[in-house]
Amino acid sequence: MVKREFRHRIVHASKGELVPVDEVKPVDVANPPPLYEIRWQDINVTDRLEDGTQRFGKVAVRMYHSEPEEAPGHFIGHHAHEKDLTATDVNAAQNEEIATAIGWYRQGRDSKWGIAGEAT
């Protein structure tokens, strides 16, 4: 079910059909690169604890993507992560994840992120 939920959200994102703020929001479109955050709330997970028991819970997942002008018609995912809601500074932790996404964006830019026939 979770795989289907992820796939469903990505397909809708690629068609521009996500609901702003609840499902997608701009990270900081005023400062390059223009990244967007796809949001999943309350994903059901099962953790196996050190003692072998299982714990059931819910997590928030974020994926940062772009739709660069250099690759019209393409939706490029750069980084996904589980949002750490237990971090001392949740915003700082998420900013580190955004920095990772920006790094992958920049690393792939010269090769147009591996899009066949598009590299310069």
Protein backbone atom coordinates (compact mmCIF):
# COMPACT_ATOMS: atom_id res chain seq x y z
CA MET A 1 0.00 0.00 0.00
CA VAL A 2 2.84 2.38 0.80
CA LYS A 3 4.54 1.70 -2.55
CA ARG A 4 1.26 2.48 -4.27
CA GLU A 5 0.86 5.70 -2.28
CA PHE A 6 4.38 6.84 -3.24
CA ARG A 7 3.91 5.92 -6.88
CA HIS A 8 0.50 7.61 -6.98
CA ARG A 9 1.87 10.86 -5.55
CA ILE A 10 4.83 10.89 -8.00
CA VAL A 11 2.54 10.31 -10.99
CA HIS A 12 0.25 13.14 -9.89
CA ALA A 13 3.27 15.38 -9.28
CA SER A 14 4.58 14.78 -12.79
CA LYS A 15 1.19 15.89 -14.12
CA GLY A 16 1.04 18.98 -11.89
CA GLU A 17 -1.96 17.59 -10.02
CA LEU A 18 -0.81 17.85 -6.39
CA VAL A 19 -2.63 19.94 -3.82
CA PRO A 20 -0.44 22.90 -2.79
CA VAL A 21 0.94 22.90 0.71
CA ASP A 22 -0.67 19.60 1.77
CA GLU A 23 1.06 17.54 -0.93
CA VAL A 24 3.62 19.88 -2.49
CA LYS A 25 5.19 23.23 -1.75
CA PRO A 26 8.06 25.31 -3.09
CA VAL A 27 11.25 25.07 -1.05
CA ASP A 28 12.69 28.44 -2.05
CA VAL A 29 11.90 29.24 -5.67
CA ALA A 30 13.38 32.72 -5.37
CA ASN A 31 16.88 31.27 -4.88
CA PRO A 32 18.31 28.81 -7.37
CA PRO A 33 17.83 26.00 -7.79
CA PRO A 34 14.03 26.09 -7.79
CA LEU A 35 13.20 23.00 -5.74
CA TYR A 36 9.83 21.72 -4.64
CA GLU A 37 8.99 19.48 -1.71
CA ILE A 38 6.55 16.61 -2.16
CA ARG A 39 5.04 15.72 1.19
CA TRP A 40 3.74 12.47 2.57
CA GLN A 41 2.24 12.56 6.06
CA ASP A 42 1.47 9.60 8.31
CA ILE A 43 3.09 6.80 6.32
CA ASN A 44 2.54 3.54 8.23
CA VAL A 45 5.82 1.83 9.16
CA THR A 46 6.95 -1.15 11.20
CA ASP A 47 10.23 -0.89 13.11
CA ARG A 48 12.03 -3.93 14.43
CA LEU A 49 13.51 -3.10 17.82
CA GLU A 50 16.82 -4.46 19.15
CA ASP A 51 14.99 -7.00 21.32
CA GLY A 52 13.30 -8.43 18.21
CA THR A 53 9.88 -6.97 18.88
CA GLN A 54 8.09 -4.76 16.42
CA ARG A 55 6.75 -1.27 16.87
CA PHE A 56 4.18 0.24 14.56
CA GLY A 57 4.12 3.94 13.85
CA LYS A 58 3.75 6.70 11.33
CA VAL A 59 6.41 8.82 9.64
CA ALA A 60 6.52 11.90 7.43
CA VAL A 61 8.49 11.61 4.18
CA ARG A 62 9.77 14.41 1.98
CA MET A 63 11.12 14.35 -1.58
CA TYR A 64 12.77 17.33 -3.24
CA HIS A 65 12.45 17.66 -7.00
CA SER A 66 12.87 20.18 -9.77
CA GLU A 67 11.46 20.82 -13.21
CA PRO A 68 14.47 22.65 -14.69
CA GLU A 69 14.23 24.93 -17.69
CA GLU A 70 17.21 23.05 -19.15
CA ALA A 71 15.10 19.88 -19.31
CA PRO A 72 11.58 20.92 -20.36
CA GLY A 73 8.92 18.33 -19.67
CA HIS A 74 11.03 16.50 -17.09
CA PHE A 75 10.37 15.97 -13.40
CA ILE A 76 13.62 15.19 -11.57
CA GLY A 77 13.73 13.78 -8.04
CA HIS A 78 16.93 14.78 -6.25
CA HIS A 79 16.58 13.49 -2.69
CA ALA A 80 14.02 11.81 -0.42
CA HIS A 81 14.13 11.33 3.34
CA GLU A 82 12.11 10.60 6.43
CA LYS A 83 11.45 13.86 8.24
CA ASP A 84 12.98 13.59 11.72
CA LEU A 85 10.28 14.95 13.99
CA THR A 86 12.35 13.98 17.06
CA ALA A 87 15.31 16.21 16.15
CA THR A 88 16.22 18.97 18.59
CA ASP A 89 15.80 21.48 15.75
CA VAL A 90 13.45 19.98 13.14
CA ASN A 91 13.93 22.93 10.75
CA ALA A 92 17.73 22.67 10.89
CA ALA A 93 17.56 18.92 10.25
CA GLN A 94 15.29 19.46 7.27
CA ASN A 95 17.55 22.24 5.94
CA GLU A 96 20.41 19.71 5.91
CA GLU A 97 18.25 17.40 3.78
CA ILE A 98 17.44 20.30 1.45
CA ALA A 99 21.17 21.04 1.17
CA THR A 100 21.68 17.41 0.13
CA ALA A 101 19.02 17.82 -2.58
CA ILE A 102 20.68 21.02 -3.80
CA GLY A 103 24.00 19.17 -3.96
CA TRP A 104 22.49 16.42 -6.14
CA TYR A 105 20.81 19.04 -8.32
CA ARG A 106 24.12 20.83 -8.89
CA GLN A 107 26.08 17.62 -9.41
CA GLY A 108 23.69 16.50 -12.15
CA ARG A 109 23.25 19.83 -13.87
CA ASP A 110 26.18 19.57 -16.32
CA SER A 111 24.96 16.17 -17.53
CA LYS A 112 21.30 17.29 -17.52
CA TRP A 113 20.72 14.69 -14.78
CA GLY A 114 21.39 11.83 -17.18
CA ILE A 115 18.44 12.58 -19.43
CA ALA A 116 19.24 10.82 -22.71
CA GLY A 117 19.70 13.08 -25.70
CA GLU A 118 19.63 16.23 -23.58
CA ALA A 119 23.27 16.53 -22.41
CA THR A 120 25.41 19.26 -23.90
